[in-house]
Amino acid sequence: MSKQHAPGFIALVNAAKSQINEMTIDEMQQHNEPYVLLDIREDHEWLSGHLPEAMHLGKGIIERDIEQTVPDKKQKIVLYCGGGFRSALSAQTLQQMGYQHVFSLIGGYREWTARNLPVITPE
């Protein structure tokens, strides 16, 4: 299932990761401060299953809709995608938009399901 990503995409992700904060699944589970969990995957990925408590705001519309969804730019936000690459890019973008506490979830949905953690599958 794991596909090889293009070198240009990997370079872009690595540049973003040098400017953002990341969080492991363990850190997220031990976190007791409130945060907004955003699934930024495509609609079909969301519909196949997502993390409990997550809201969906796909990467294609996050810049357009984030200020209505999370108006407080001091709110802690944890973003996840399939493996932590797209969420790193979106975390960088949200920081550029003034969000101060944005994290990308390392390993994303794939690592979450590999650990057999609970997922929600929409009806």
PDB file of N, CA and C in Angstrom:
ATOM      1  N   MET A   1       0.832  -1.190   0.000  1.00  0.00           N
ATOM      2  CA  MET A   1       0.000   0.000   0.000  1.00  0.00           C
ATOM      3  C   MET A   1       0.875   1.252   0.000  1.00  0.00           C
ATOM      4  N   SER A   2       2.047   1.160   0.593  1.00  0.00           N
ATOM      5  CA  SER A   2       2.936   2.310   0.659  1.00  0.00           C
ATOM      6  C   SER A   2       3.527   2.574  -0.721  1.00  0.00           C
ATOM      7  N   LYS A   3       3.316   3.798  -1.198  1.00  0.00           N
ATOM      8  CA  LYS A   3       3.854   4.125  -2.505  1.00  0.00           C
ATOM      9  C   LYS A   3       5.045   5.047  -2.355  1.00  0.00           C
ATOM     10  N   GLN A   4       5.900   5.035  -3.346  1.00  0.00           N
ATOM     11  CA  GLN A   4       7.079   5.889  -3.343  1.00  0.00           C
ATOM     12  C   GLN A   4       6.665   7.308  -3.727  1.00  0.00           C
ATOM     13  N   HIS A   5       7.017   8.271  -2.900  1.00  0.00           N
ATOM     14  CA  HIS A   5       6.687   9.663  -3.199  1.00  0.00           C
ATOM     15  C   HIS A   5       7.760  10.267  -4.099  1.00  0.00           C
ATOM     16  N   ALA A   6       7.360  11.224  -4.907  1.00  0.00           N
ATOM     17  CA  ALA A   6       8.271  11.903  -5.823  1.00  0.00           C
ATOM     18  C   ALA A   6       9.288  12.736  -5.038  1.00  0.00           C
ATOM     19  N   PRO A   7      10.519  12.841  -5.553  1.00  0.00           N
ATOM     20  CA  PRO A   7      11.582  13.576  -4.851  1.00  0.00           C
ATOM     21  C   PRO A   7      11.225  15.040  -4.570  1.00  0.00           C
ATOM     22  N   GLY A   8      10.549  15.699  -5.493  1.00  0.00           N
ATOM     23  CA  GLY A   8      10.176  17.100  -5.272  1.00  0.00           C
ATOM     24  C   GLY A   8       9.210  17.252  -4.118  1.00  0.00           C
ATOM     25  N   PHE A   9       8.275  16.298  -4.013  1.00  0.00           N
ATOM     26  CA  PHE A   9       7.306  16.313  -2.912  1.00  0.00           C
ATOM     27  C   PHE A   9       8.027  16.096  -1.582  1.00  0.00           C
ATOM     28  N   ILE A  10       8.938  15.123  -1.543  1.00  0.00           N
ATOM     29  CA  ILE A  10       9.690  14.829  -0.313  1.00  0.00           C
ATOM     30  C   ILE A  10      10.517  16.047   0.108  1.00  0.00           C
ATOM     31  N   ALA A  11      11.123  16.731  -0.846  1.00  0.00           N
ATOM     32  CA  ALA A  11      11.915  17.923  -0.537  1.00  0.00           C
ATOM     33  C   ALA A  11      11.034  19.014   0.070  1.00  0.00           C
ATOM     34  N   LEU A  12       9.847  19.188  -0.499  1.00  0.00           N
ATOM     35  CA  LEU A  12       8.900  20.184   0.005  1.00  0.00           C
ATOM     36  C   LEU A  12       8.476  19.840   1.438  1.00  0.00           C
ATOM     37  N   VAL A  13       8.166  18.562   1.672  1.00  0.00           N
ATOM     38  CA  VAL A  13       7.760  18.104   3.005  1.00  0.00           C
ATOM     39  C   VAL A  13       8.891  18.288   4.009  1.00  0.00           C
ATOM     40  N   ASN A  14      10.107  17.917   3.628  1.00  0.00           N
ATOM     41  CA  ASN A  14      11.241  18.051   4.547  1.00  0.00           C
ATOM     42  C   ASN A  14      11.505  19.511   4.899  1.00  0.00           C
ATOM     43  N   ALA A  15      11.338  20.408   3.923  1.00  0.00           N
ATOM     44  CA  ALA A  15      11.496  21.844   4.196  1.00  0.00           C
ATOM     45  C   ALA A  15      10.420  22.306   5.184  1.00  0.00           C
ATOM     46  N   ALA A  16       9.186  21.853   4.984  1.00  0.00           N
ATOM     47  CA  ALA A  16       8.093  22.219   5.896  1.00  0.00           C
ATOM     48  C   ALA A  16       8.365  21.680   7.295  1.00  0.00           C
ATOM     49  N   LYS A  17       8.822  20.422   7.382  1.00  0.00           N
ATOM     50  CA  LYS A  17       9.055  19.806   8.695  1.00  0.00           C
ATOM     51  C   LYS A  17      10.118  20.543   9.496  1.00  0.00           C
ATOM     52  N   SER A  18      11.028  21.242   8.812  1.00  0.00           N
ATOM     53  CA  SER A  18      12.060  21.993   9.531  1.00  0.00           C
ATOM     54  C   SER A  18      11.491  23.257  10.167  1.00  0.00           C
ATOM     55  N   GLN A  19      10.261  23.631   9.801  1.00  0.00           N
ATOM     56  CA  GLN A  19       9.666  24.881  10.292  1.00  0.00           C
ATOM     57  C   GLN A  19       8.424  24.676  11.150  1.00  0.00           C
ATOM     58  N   ILE A  20       8.026  23.435  11.370  1.00  0.00           N
ATOM     59  CA  ILE A  20       6.792  23.167  12.109  1.00  0.00           C
ATOM     60  C   ILE A  20       7.071  22.314  13.342  1.00  0.00           C
ATOM     61  N   ASN A  21       6.029  22.115  14.147  1.00  0.00           N
ATOM     62  CA  ASN A  21       6.088  21.199  15.280  1.00  0.00           C
ATOM     63  C   ASN A  21       5.369  19.914  14.909  1.00  0.00           C
ATOM     64  N   GLU A  22       5.945  18.806  15.332  1.00  0.00           N
ATOM     65  CA  GLU A  22       5.299  17.511  15.126  1.00  0.00           C
ATOM     66  C   GLU A  22       5.009  16.893  16.487  1.00  0.00           C
ATOM     67  N   MET A  23       4.073  15.949  16.492  1.00  0.00           N
ATOM     68  CA  MET A  23       3.660  15.281  17.715  1.00  0.00           C
ATOM     69  C   MET A  23       3.491  13.794  17.397  1.00  0.00           C
ATOM     70  N   THR A  24       3.939  12.942  18.301  1.00  0.00           N
ATOM     71  CA  THR A  24       3.729  11.509  18.109  1.00  0.00           C
ATOM     72  C   THR A  24       2.326  11.131  18.596  1.00  0.00           C
ATOM     73  N   ILE A  25       1.884   9.953  18.212  1.00  0.00           N
ATOM     74  CA  ILE A  25       0.587   9.449  18.698  1.00  0.00           C
ATOM     75  C   ILE A  25       0.604   9.340  20.222  1.00  0.00           C
ATOM     76  N   ASP A  26       1.697   8.841  20.791  1.00  0.00           N
ATOM     77  CA  ASP A  26       1.799   8.732  22.254  1.00  0.00           C
ATOM     78  C   ASP A  26       1.671  10.104  22.917  1.00  0.00           C
ATOM     79  N   GLU A  27       2.345  11.099  22.358  1.00  0.00           N
ATOM     80  CA  GLU A  27       2.254  12.447  22.923  1.00  0.00           C
ATOM     81  C   GLU A  27       0.823  12.974  22.836  1.00  0.00           C
ATOM     82  N   MET A  28       0.165  12.715  21.725  1.00  0.00           N
ATOM     83  CA  MET A  28      -1.211  13.181  21.563  1.00  0.00           C
ATOM     84  C   MET A  28      -2.132  12.512  22.587  1.00  0.00           C
ATOM     85  N   GLN A  29      -1.947  11.210  22.803  1.00  0.00           N
ATOM     86  CA  GLN A  29      -2.804  10.487  23.746  1.00  0.00           C
ATOM     87  C   GLN A  29      -2.568  10.919  25.189  1.00  0.00           C
ATOM     88  N   GLN A  30      -1.369  11.380  25.510  1.00  0.00           N
ATOM     89  CA  GLN A  30      -1.057  11.792  26.879  1.00  0.00           C
ATOM     90  C   GLN A  30      -1.366  13.259  27.113  1.00  0.00           C
ATOM     91  N   HIS A  31      -1.770  13.941  26.069  1.00  0.00           N
ATOM     92  CA  HIS A  31      -1.994  15.391  26.122  1.00  0.00           C
ATOM     93  C   HIS A  31      -3.298  15.686  26.861  1.00  0.00           C
ATOM     94  N   ASN A  32      -3.240  16.535  27.862  1.00  0.00           N
ATOM     95  CA  ASN A  32      -4.464  16.835  28.609  1.00  0.00           C
ATOM     96  C   ASN A  32      -4.996  18.237  28.344  1.00  0.00           C
ATOM     97  N   GLU A  33      -4.294  19.009  27.547  1.00  0.00           N
ATOM     98  CA  GLU A  33      -4.761  20.344  27.165  1.00  0.00           C
ATOM     99  C   GLU A  33      -5.708  20.184  25.974  1.00  0.00           C
ATOM    100  N   PRO A  34      -6.797  20.945  25.915  1.00  0.00           N
ATOM    101  CA  PRO A  34      -7.717  20.771  24.787  1.00  0.00           C
ATOM    102  C   PRO A  34      -7.060  21.129  23.445  1.00  0.00           C
ATOM    103  N   TYR A  35      -7.408  20.371  22.439  1.00  0.00           N
ATOM    104  CA  TYR A  35      -6.911  20.657  21.091  1.00  0.00           C
ATOM    105  C   TYR A  35      -7.979  20.271  20.086  1.00  0.00           C
ATOM    106  N   VAL A  36      -7.857  20.828  18.899  1.00  0.00           N
ATOM    107  CA  VAL A  36      -8.729  20.474  17.786  1.00  0.00           C
ATOM    108  C   VAL A  36      -7.964  19.478  16.931  1.00  0.00           C
ATOM    109  N   LEU A  37      -8.592  18.327  16.657  1.00  0.00           N
ATOM    110  CA  LEU A  37      -7.979  17.296  15.821  1.00  0.00           C
ATOM    111  C   LEU A  37      -8.599  17.397  14.434  1.00  0.00           C
ATOM    112  N   LEU A  38      -7.776  17.695  13.437  1.00  0.00           N
ATOM    113  CA  LEU A  38      -8.259  17.867  12.069  1.00  0.00           C
ATOM    114  C   LEU A  38      -7.689  16.811  11.139  1.00  0.00           C
ATOM    115  N   ASP A  39      -8.583  16.082  10.498  1.00  0.00           N
ATOM    116  CA  ASP A  39      -8.229  15.127   9.455  1.00  0.00           C
ATOM    117  C   ASP A  39      -8.220  15.910   8.144  1.00  0.00           C
ATOM    118  N   ILE A  40      -7.062  15.992   7.502  1.00  0.00           N
ATOM    119  CA  ILE A  40      -6.967  16.797   6.283  1.00  0.00           C
ATOM    120  C   ILE A  40      -6.924  15.931   5.023  1.00  0.00           C
ATOM    121  N   ARG A  41      -7.256  14.648   5.171  1.00  0.00           N
ATOM    122  CA  ARG A  41      -7.217  13.750   4.012  1.00  0.00           C
ATOM    123  C   ARG A  41      -8.374  14.038   3.059  1.00  0.00           C
ATOM    124  N   GLU A  42      -8.340  13.392   1.915  1.00  0.00           N
ATOM    125  CA  GLU A  42      -9.401  13.533   0.918  1.00  0.00           C
ATOM    126  C   GLU A  42     -10.709  12.938   1.457  1.00  0.00           C
ATOM    127  N   ASP A  43     -11.822  13.369   0.878  1.00  0.00           N
ATOM    128  CA  ASP A  43     -13.140  12.903   1.324  1.00  0.00           C
ATOM    129  C   ASP A  43     -13.244  11.381   1.354  1.00  0.00           C
ATOM    130  N   HIS A  44     -12.768  10.695   0.307  1.00  0.00           N
ATOM    131  CA  HIS A  44     -12.896   9.230   0.264  1.00  0.00           C
ATOM    132  C   HIS A  44     -12.060   8.565   1.359  1.00  0.00           C
ATOM    133  N   GLU A  45     -10.953   9.190   1.755  1.00  0.00           N
ATOM    134  CA  GLU A  45     -10.141   8.643   2.845  1.00  0.00           C
ATOM    135  C   GLU A  45     -10.882   8.799   4.174  1.00  0.00           C
ATOM    136  N   TRP A  46     -11.468   9.971   4.387  1.00  0.00           N
ATOM    137  CA  TRP A  46     -12.257  10.240   5.602  1.00  0.00           C
ATOM    138  C   TRP A  46     -13.389   9.231   5.726  1.00  0.00           C
ATOM    139  N   LEU A  47     -14.085   8.982   4.616  1.00  0.00           N
ATOM    140  CA  LEU A  47     -15.245   8.089   4.644  1.00  0.00           C
ATOM    141  C   LEU A  47     -14.866   6.633   4.901  1.00  0.00           C
ATOM    142  N   SER A  48     -13.603   6.272   4.649  1.00  0.00           N
ATOM    143  CA  SER A  48     -13.178   4.892   4.908  1.00  0.00           C
ATOM    144  C   SER A  48     -12.804   4.685   6.381  1.00  0.00           C
ATOM    145  N   GLY A  49     -12.744   5.772   7.148  1.00  0.00           N
ATOM    146  CA  GLY A  49     -12.451   5.674   8.574  1.00  0.00           C
ATOM    147  C   GLY A  49     -11.593   6.843   9.022  1.00  0.00           C
ATOM    148  N   HIS A  50     -11.799   7.267  10.287  1.00  0.00           N
ATOM    149  CA  HIS A  50     -11.025   8.385  10.820  1.00  0.00           C
ATOM    150  C   HIS A  50     -10.884   8.254  12.327  1.00  0.00           C
ATOM    151  N   LEU A  51     -10.005   9.071  12.900  1.00  0.00           N
ATOM    152  CA  LEU A  51      -9.766   9.035  14.330  1.00  0.00           C
ATOM    153  C   LEU A  51     -10.982   9.560  15.090  1.00  0.00           C
ATOM    154  N   PRO A  52     -11.266   8.980  16.257  1.00  0.00           N
ATOM    155  CA  PRO A  52     -12.347   9.501  17.096  1.00  0.00           C
ATOM    156  C   PRO A  52     -12.058  10.969  17.433  1.00  0.00           C
ATOM    157  N   GLU A  53     -13.097  11.774  17.551  1.00  0.00           N
ATOM    158  CA  GLU A  53     -12.996  13.191  17.906  1.00  0.00           C
ATOM    159  C   GLU A  53     -12.524  14.080  16.754  1.00  0.00           C
ATOM    160  N   ALA A  54     -12.134  13.496  15.627  1.00  0.00           N
ATOM    161  CA  ALA A  54     -11.601  14.307  14.527  1.00  0.00           C
ATOM    162  C   ALA A  54     -12.709  15.047  13.792  1.00  0.00           C
ATOM    163  N   MET A  55     -12.347  16.212  13.281  1.00  0.00           N
ATOM    164  CA  MET A  55     -13.184  16.939  12.337  1.00  0.00           C
ATOM    165  C   MET A  55     -12.490  16.832  10.986  1.00  0.00           C
ATOM    166  N   HIS A  56     -13.265  16.937   9.915  1.00  0.00           N
ATOM    167  CA  HIS A  56     -12.691  16.801   8.573  1.00  0.00           C
ATOM    168  C   HIS A  56     -12.616  18.157   7.894  1.00  0.00           C
ATOM    169  N   LEU A  57     -11.430  18.490   7.427  1.00  0.00           N
ATOM    170  CA  LEU A  57     -11.207  19.706   6.657  1.00  0.00           C
ATOM    171  C   LEU A  57     -10.094  19.356   5.680  1.00  0.00           C
ATOM    172  N   GLY A  58     -10.467  18.907   4.502  1.00  0.00           N
ATOM    173  CA  GLY A  58      -9.493  18.422   3.524  1.00  0.00           C
ATOM    174  C   GLY A  58      -8.428  19.440   3.169  1.00  0.00           C
ATOM    175  N   LYS A  59      -7.252  18.945   2.817  1.00  0.00           N
ATOM    176  CA  LYS A  59      -6.117  19.799   2.482  1.00  0.00           C
ATOM    177  C   LYS A  59      -6.468  20.792   1.385  1.00  0.00           C
ATOM    178  N   GLY A  60      -7.331  20.411   0.472  1.00  0.00           N
ATOM    179  CA  GLY A  60      -7.693  21.292  -0.631  1.00  0.00           C
ATOM    180  C   GLY A  60      -8.485  22.521  -0.227  1.00  0.00           C
ATOM    181  N   ILE A  61      -9.125  22.475   0.961  1.00  0.00           N
ATOM    182  CA  ILE A  61      -9.964  23.606   1.384  1.00  0.00           C
ATOM    183  C   ILE A  61      -9.564  24.178   2.739  1.00  0.00           C
ATOM    184  N   ILE A  62      -8.509  23.652   3.333  1.00  0.00           N
ATOM    185  CA  ILE A  62      -8.189  24.055   4.708  1.00  0.00           C
ATOM    186  C   ILE A  62      -7.914  25.553   4.825  1.00  0.00           C
ATOM    187  N   GLU A  63      -7.177  26.119   3.876  1.00  0.00           N
ATOM    188  CA  GLU A  63      -6.875  27.552   3.960  1.00  0.00           C
ATOM    189  C   GLU A  63      -8.147  28.386   3.837  1.00  0.00           C
ATOM    190  N   ARG A  64      -9.060  27.926   3.006  1.00  0.00           N
ATOM    191  CA  ARG A  64     -10.305  28.659   2.786  1.00  0.00           C
ATOM    192  C   ARG A  64     -11.216  28.603   4.019  1.00  0.00           C
ATOM    193  N   ASP A  65     -11.265  27.460   4.696  1.00  0.00           N
ATOM    194  CA  ASP A  65     -12.279  27.225   5.727  1.00  0.00           C
ATOM    195  C   ASP A  65     -11.771  27.213   7.172  1.00  0.00           C
ATOM    196  N   ILE A  66     -10.455  27.253   7.385  1.00  0.00           N
ATOM    197  CA  ILE A  66      -9.933  27.114   8.750  1.00  0.00           C
ATOM    198  C   ILE A  66     -10.406  28.234   9.677  1.00  0.00           C
ATOM    199  N   GLU A  67     -10.504  29.453   9.181  1.00  0.00           N
ATOM    200  CA  GLU A  67     -10.857  30.562  10.078  1.00  0.00           C
ATOM    201  C   GLU A  67     -12.297  30.487  10.560  1.00  0.00           C
ATOM    202  N   GLN A  68     -13.185  29.865   9.769  1.00  0.00           N
ATOM    203  CA  GLN A  68     -14.559  29.637  10.236  1.00  0.00           C
ATOM    204  C   GLN A  68     -14.597  28.443  11.198  1.00  0.00           C
ATOM    205  N   THR A  69     -13.771  27.430  10.921  1.00  0.00           N
ATOM    206  CA  THR A  69     -13.772  26.204  11.726  1.00  0.00           C
ATOM    207  C   THR A  69     -13.073  26.421  13.064  1.00  0.00           C
ATOM    208  N   VAL A  70     -11.919  27.083  13.041  1.00  0.00           N
ATOM    209  CA  VAL A  70     -11.128  27.343  14.248  1.00  0.00           C
ATOM    210  C   VAL A  70     -10.761  28.828  14.248  1.00  0.00           C
ATOM    211  N   PRO A  71     -11.677  29.683  14.744  1.00  0.00           N
ATOM    212  CA  PRO A  71     -11.415  31.123  14.682  1.00  0.00           C
ATOM    213  C   PRO A  71     -10.290  31.600  15.605  1.00  0.00           C
ATOM    214  N   ASP A  72     -10.030  30.886  16.696  1.00  0.00           N
ATOM    215  CA  ASP A  72      -9.017  31.301  17.673  1.00  0.00           C
ATOM    216  C   ASP A  72      -7.637  30.839  17.210  1.00  0.00           C
ATOM    217  N   LYS A  73      -6.793  31.785  16.829  1.00  0.00           N
ATOM    218  CA  LYS A  73      -5.465  31.435  16.293  1.00  0.00           C
ATOM    219  C   LYS A  73      -4.500  30.974  17.382  1.00  0.00           C
ATOM    220  N   LYS A  74      -4.942  31.020  18.652  1.00  0.00           N
ATOM    221  CA  LYS A  74      -4.123  30.488  19.748  1.00  0.00           C
ATOM    222  C   LYS A  74      -4.533  29.060  20.113  1.00  0.00           C
ATOM    223  N   GLN A  75      -5.614  28.573  19.515  1.00  0.00           N
ATOM    224  CA  GLN A  75      -6.102  27.211  19.783  1.00  0.00           C
ATOM    225  C   GLN A  75      -5.065  26.189  19.315  1.00  0.00           C
ATOM    226  N   LYS A  76      -4.817  25.178  20.131  1.00  0.00           N
ATOM    227  CA  LYS A  76      -3.921  24.101  19.710  1.00  0.00           C
ATOM    228  C   LYS A  76      -4.638  23.249  18.670  1.00  0.00           C
ATOM    229  N   ILE A  77      -3.956  22.974  17.567  1.00  0.00           N
ATOM    230  CA  ILE A  77      -4.512  22.179  16.468  1.00  0.00           C
ATOM    231  C   ILE A  77      -3.550  21.046  16.148  1.00  0.00           C
ATOM    232  N   VAL A  78      -4.071  19.827  16.062  1.00  0.00           N
ATOM    233  CA  VAL A  78      -3.277  18.685  15.622  1.00  0.00           C
ATOM    234  C   VAL A  78      -3.853  18.239  14.279  1.00  0.00           C
ATOM    235  N   LEU A  79      -3.005  18.249  13.255  1.00  0.00           N
ATOM    236  CA  LEU A  79      -3.405  17.839  11.904  1.00  0.00           C
ATOM    237  C   LEU A  79      -2.898  16.433  11.629  1.00  0.00           C
ATOM    238  N   TYR A  80      -3.700  15.625  10.934  1.00  0.00           N
ATOM    239  CA  TYR A  80      -3.179  14.343  10.477  1.00  0.00           C
ATOM    240  C   TYR A  80      -3.671  14.042   9.071  1.00  0.00           C
ATOM    241  N   CYS A  81      -2.853  13.237   8.385  1.00  0.00           N
ATOM    242  CA  CYS A  81      -3.195  12.758   7.042  1.00  0.00           C
ATOM    243  C   CYS A  81      -2.891  11.262   7.031  1.00  0.00           C
ATOM    244  N   GLY A  82      -2.554  10.712   5.902  1.00  0.00           N
ATOM    245  CA  GLY A  82      -2.259   9.285   5.828  1.00  0.00           C
ATOM    246  C   GLY A  82      -0.981   8.909   6.551  1.00  0.00           C
ATOM    247  N   GLY A  83       0.084   9.704   6.353  1.00  0.00           N
ATOM    248  CA  GLY A  83       1.369   9.339   6.943  1.00  0.00           C
ATOM    249  C   GLY A  83       2.168  10.471   7.553  1.00  0.00           C
ATOM    250  N   GLY A  84       1.632  11.672   7.545  1.00  0.00           N
ATOM    251  CA  GLY A  84       2.328  12.792   8.168  1.00  0.00           C
ATOM    252  C   GLY A  84       3.012  13.732   7.198  1.00  0.00           C
ATOM    253  N   PHE A  85       2.825  13.539   5.894  1.00  0.00           N
ATOM    254  CA  PHE A  85       3.470  14.406   4.903  1.00  0.00           C
ATOM    255  C   PHE A  85       2.576  15.592   4.546  1.00  0.00           C
ATOM    256  N   ARG A  86       1.346  15.309   4.114  1.00  0.00           N
ATOM    257  CA  ARG A  86       0.419  16.394   3.774  1.00  0.00           C
ATOM    258  C   ARG A  86       0.121  17.253   4.994  1.00  0.00           C
ATOM    259  N   SER A  87       0.046  16.628   6.169  1.00  0.00           N
ATOM    260  CA  SER A  87      -0.240  17.400   7.387  1.00  0.00           C
ATOM    261  C   SER A  87       0.920  18.340   7.725  1.00  0.00           C
ATOM    262  N   ALA A  88       2.140  17.950   7.405  1.00  0.00           N
ATOM    263  CA  ALA A  88       3.289  18.845   7.624  1.00  0.00           C
ATOM    264  C   ALA A  88       3.166  20.079   6.737  1.00  0.00           C
ATOM    265  N   LEU A  89       2.785  19.877   5.481  1.00  0.00           N
ATOM    266  CA  LEU A  89       2.612  21.008   4.559  1.00  0.00           C
ATOM    267  C   LEU A  89       1.486  21.924   5.029  1.00  0.00           C
ATOM    268  N   SER A  90       0.383  21.339   5.484  1.00  0.00           N
ATOM    269  CA  SER A  90      -0.743  22.149   5.960  1.00  0.00           C
ATOM    270  C   SER A  90      -0.406  22.863   7.264  1.00  0.00           C
ATOM    271  N   ALA A  91       0.376  22.231   8.132  1.00  0.00           N
ATOM    272  CA  ALA A  91       0.787  22.889   9.382  1.00  0.00           C
ATOM    273  C   ALA A  91       1.605  24.135   9.065  1.00  0.00           C
ATOM    274  N   GLN A  92       2.490  24.024   8.091  1.00  0.00           N
ATOM    275  CA  GLN A  92       3.297  25.179   7.691  1.00  0.00           C
ATOM    276  C   GLN A  92       2.402  26.307   7.176  1.00  0.00           C
ATOM    277  N   THR A  93       1.413  25.955   6.371  1.00  0.00           N
ATOM    278  CA  THR A  93       0.492  26.955   5.825  1.00  0.00           C
ATOM    279  C   THR A  93      -0.303  27.636   6.937  1.00  0.00           C
ATOM    280  N   LEU A  94      -0.809  26.855   7.898  1.00  0.00           N
ATOM    281  CA  LEU A  94      -1.587  27.453   8.987  1.00  0.00           C
ATOM    282  C   LEU A  94      -0.724  28.390   9.834  1.00  0.00           C
ATOM    283  N   GLN A  95       0.538  28.024  10.040  1.00  0.00           N
ATOM    284  CA  GLN A  95       1.450  28.917  10.754  1.00  0.00           C
ATOM    285  C   GLN A  95       1.600  30.230   9.983  1.00  0.00           C
ATOM    286  N   GLN A  96       1.712  30.143   8.668  1.00  0.00           N
ATOM    287  CA  GLN A  96       1.833  31.351   7.849  1.00  0.00           C
ATOM    288  C   GLN A  96       0.574  32.213   7.954  1.00  0.00           C
ATOM    289  N   MET A  97      -0.566  31.569   8.242  1.00  0.00           N
ATOM    290  CA  MET A  97      -1.834  32.289   8.397  1.00  0.00           C
ATOM    291  C   MET A  97      -2.015  32.837   9.817  1.00  0.00           C
ATOM    292  N   GLY A  98      -1.035  32.606  10.691  1.00  0.00           N
ATOM    293  CA  GLY A  98      -1.083  33.181  12.029  1.00  0.00           C
ATOM    294  C   GLY A  98      -1.460  32.222  13.147  1.00  0.00           C
ATOM    295  N   TYR A  99      -1.694  30.948  12.836  1.00  0.00           N
ATOM    296  CA  TYR A  99      -1.996  29.971  13.888  1.00  0.00           C
ATOM    297  C   TYR A  99      -0.705  29.658  14.635  1.00  0.00           C
ATOM    298  N   GLN A 100      -0.775  29.726  15.981  1.00  0.00           N
ATOM    299  CA  GLN A 100       0.440  29.699  16.790  1.00  0.00           C
ATOM    300  C   GLN A 100       0.773  28.332  17.385  1.00  0.00           C
ATOM    301  N   HIS A 101      -0.198  27.423  17.445  1.00  0.00           N
ATOM    302  CA  HIS A 101       0.027  26.128  18.109  1.00  0.00           C
ATOM    303  C   HIS A 101      -0.474  24.991  17.208  1.00  0.00           C
ATOM    304  N   VAL A 102       0.218  24.790  16.112  1.00  0.00           N
ATOM    305  CA  VAL A 102      -0.174  23.778  15.139  1.00  0.00           C
ATOM    306  C   VAL A 102       0.844  22.641  15.176  1.00  0.00           C
ATOM    307  N   PHE A 103       0.337  21.412  15.159  1.00  0.00           N
ATOM    308  CA  PHE A 103       1.187  20.226  15.176  1.00  0.00           C
ATOM    309  C   PHE A 103       0.762  19.282  14.062  1.00  0.00           C
ATOM    310  N   SER A 104       1.731  18.603  13.484  1.00  0.00           N
ATOM    311  CA  SER A 104       1.475  17.548  12.506  1.00  0.00           C
ATOM    312  C   SER A 104       1.689  16.211  13.217  1.00  0.00           C
ATOM    313  N   LEU A 105       0.738  15.295  13.066  1.00  0.00           N
ATOM    314  CA  LEU A 105       0.823  13.997  13.740  1.00  0.00           C
ATOM    315  C   LEU A 105       1.754  13.070  12.967  1.00  0.00           C
ATOM    316  N   ILE A 106       2.852  12.695  13.600  1.00  0.00           N
ATOM    317  CA  ILE A 106       3.840  11.806  12.982  1.00  0.00           C
ATOM    318  C   ILE A 106       3.209  10.434  12.735  1.00  0.00           C
ATOM    319  N   GLY A 107       3.337   9.932  11.524  1.00  0.00           N
ATOM    320  CA  GLY A 107       2.817   8.603  11.194  1.00  0.00           C
ATOM    321  C   GLY A 107       1.370   8.606  10.737  1.00  0.00           C
ATOM    322  N   GLY A 108       0.607   9.628  11.121  1.00  0.00           N
ATOM    323  CA  GLY A 108      -0.758   9.803  10.654  1.00  0.00           C
ATOM    324  C   GLY A 108      -1.673   8.600  10.841  1.00  0.00           C
ATOM    325  N   TYR A 109      -2.655   8.544   9.959  1.00  0.00           N
ATOM    326  CA  TYR A 109      -3.694   7.507  10.034  1.00  0.00           C
ATOM    327  C   TYR A 109      -3.107   6.100   9.895  1.00  0.00           C
ATOM    328  N   ARG A 110      -2.095   5.943   9.041  1.00  0.00           N
ATOM    329  CA  ARG A 110      -1.504   4.608   8.853  1.00  0.00           C
ATOM    330  C   ARG A 110      -0.914   4.061  10.142  1.00  0.00           C
ATOM    331  N   GLU A 111      -0.158   4.892  10.867  1.00  0.00           N
ATOM    332  CA  GLU A 111       0.423   4.416  12.123  1.00  0.00           C
ATOM    333  C   GLU A 111      -0.672   4.167  13.160  1.00  0.00           C
ATOM    334  N   TRP A 112      -1.686   5.042  13.186  1.00  0.00           N
ATOM    335  CA  TRP A 112      -2.809   4.877  14.126  1.00  0.00           C
ATOM    336  C   TRP A 112      -3.456   3.511  13.929  1.00  0.00           C
ATOM    337  N   THR A 113      -3.763   3.171  12.665  1.00  0.00           N
ATOM    338  CA  THR A 113      -4.432   1.883  12.409  1.00  0.00           C
ATOM    339  C   THR A 113      -3.472   0.707  12.582  1.00  0.00           C
ATOM    340  N   ALA A 114      -2.185   0.906  12.305  1.00  0.00           N
ATOM    341  CA  ALA A 114      -1.198  -0.160  12.510  1.00  0.00           C
ATOM    342  C   ALA A 114      -1.114  -0.545  13.989  1.00  0.00           C
ATOM    343  N   ARG A 115      -1.415   0.409  14.866  1.00  0.00           N
ATOM    344  CA  ARG A 115      -1.424   0.140  16.312  1.00  0.00           C
ATOM    345  C   ARG A 115      -2.769  -0.407  16.782  1.00  0.00           C
ATOM    346  N   ASN A 116      -3.696  -0.608  15.855  1.00  0.00           N
ATOM    347  CA  ASN A 116      -5.044  -1.090  16.182  1.00  0.00           C
ATOM    348  C   ASN A 116      -5.771  -0.179  17.162  1.00  0.00           C
ATOM    349  N   LEU A 117      -5.557   1.121  17.040  1.00  0.00           N
ATOM    350  CA  LEU A 117      -6.280   2.094  17.860  1.00  0.00           C
ATOM    351  C   LEU A 117      -7.663   2.298  17.254  1.00  0.00           C
ATOM    352  N   PRO A 118      -8.624   2.790  18.041  1.00  0.00           N
ATOM    353  CA  PRO A 118      -9.995   2.874  17.549  1.00  0.00           C
ATOM    354  C   PRO A 118     -10.159   3.887  16.409  1.00  0.00           C
ATOM    355  N   VAL A 119     -10.990   3.523  15.460  1.00  0.00           N
ATOM    356  CA  VAL A 119     -11.356   4.428  14.371  1.00  0.00           C
ATOM    357  C   VAL A 119     -12.865   4.476  14.257  1.00  0.00           C
ATOM    358  N   ILE A 120     -13.345   5.564  13.693  1.00  0.00           N
ATOM    359  CA  ILE A 120     -14.767   5.758  13.422  1.00  0.00           C
ATOM    360  C   ILE A 120     -14.969   5.550  11.925  1.00  0.00           C
ATOM    361  N   THR A 121     -15.912   4.701  11.568  1.00  0.00           N
ATOM    362  CA  THR A 121     -16.253   4.530  10.158  1.00  0.00           C
ATOM    363  C   THR A 121     -17.664   5.068   9.960  1.00  0.00           C
ATOM    364  N   PRO A 122     -17.789   6.160   9.182  1.00  0.00           N
ATOM    365  CA  PRO A 122     -19.129   6.738   8.989  1.00  0.00           C
ATOM    366  C   PRO A 122     -20.089   5.717   8.378  1.00  0.00           C
ATOM    367  N   GLU A 123     -21.358   5.862   8.740  1.00  0.00           N
ATOM    368  CA  GLU A 123     -22.385   4.930   8.224  1.00  0.00           C
ATOM    369  C   GLU A 123     -22.549   5.096   6.725  1.00  0.00           C
TER     370      GLU A 123
END
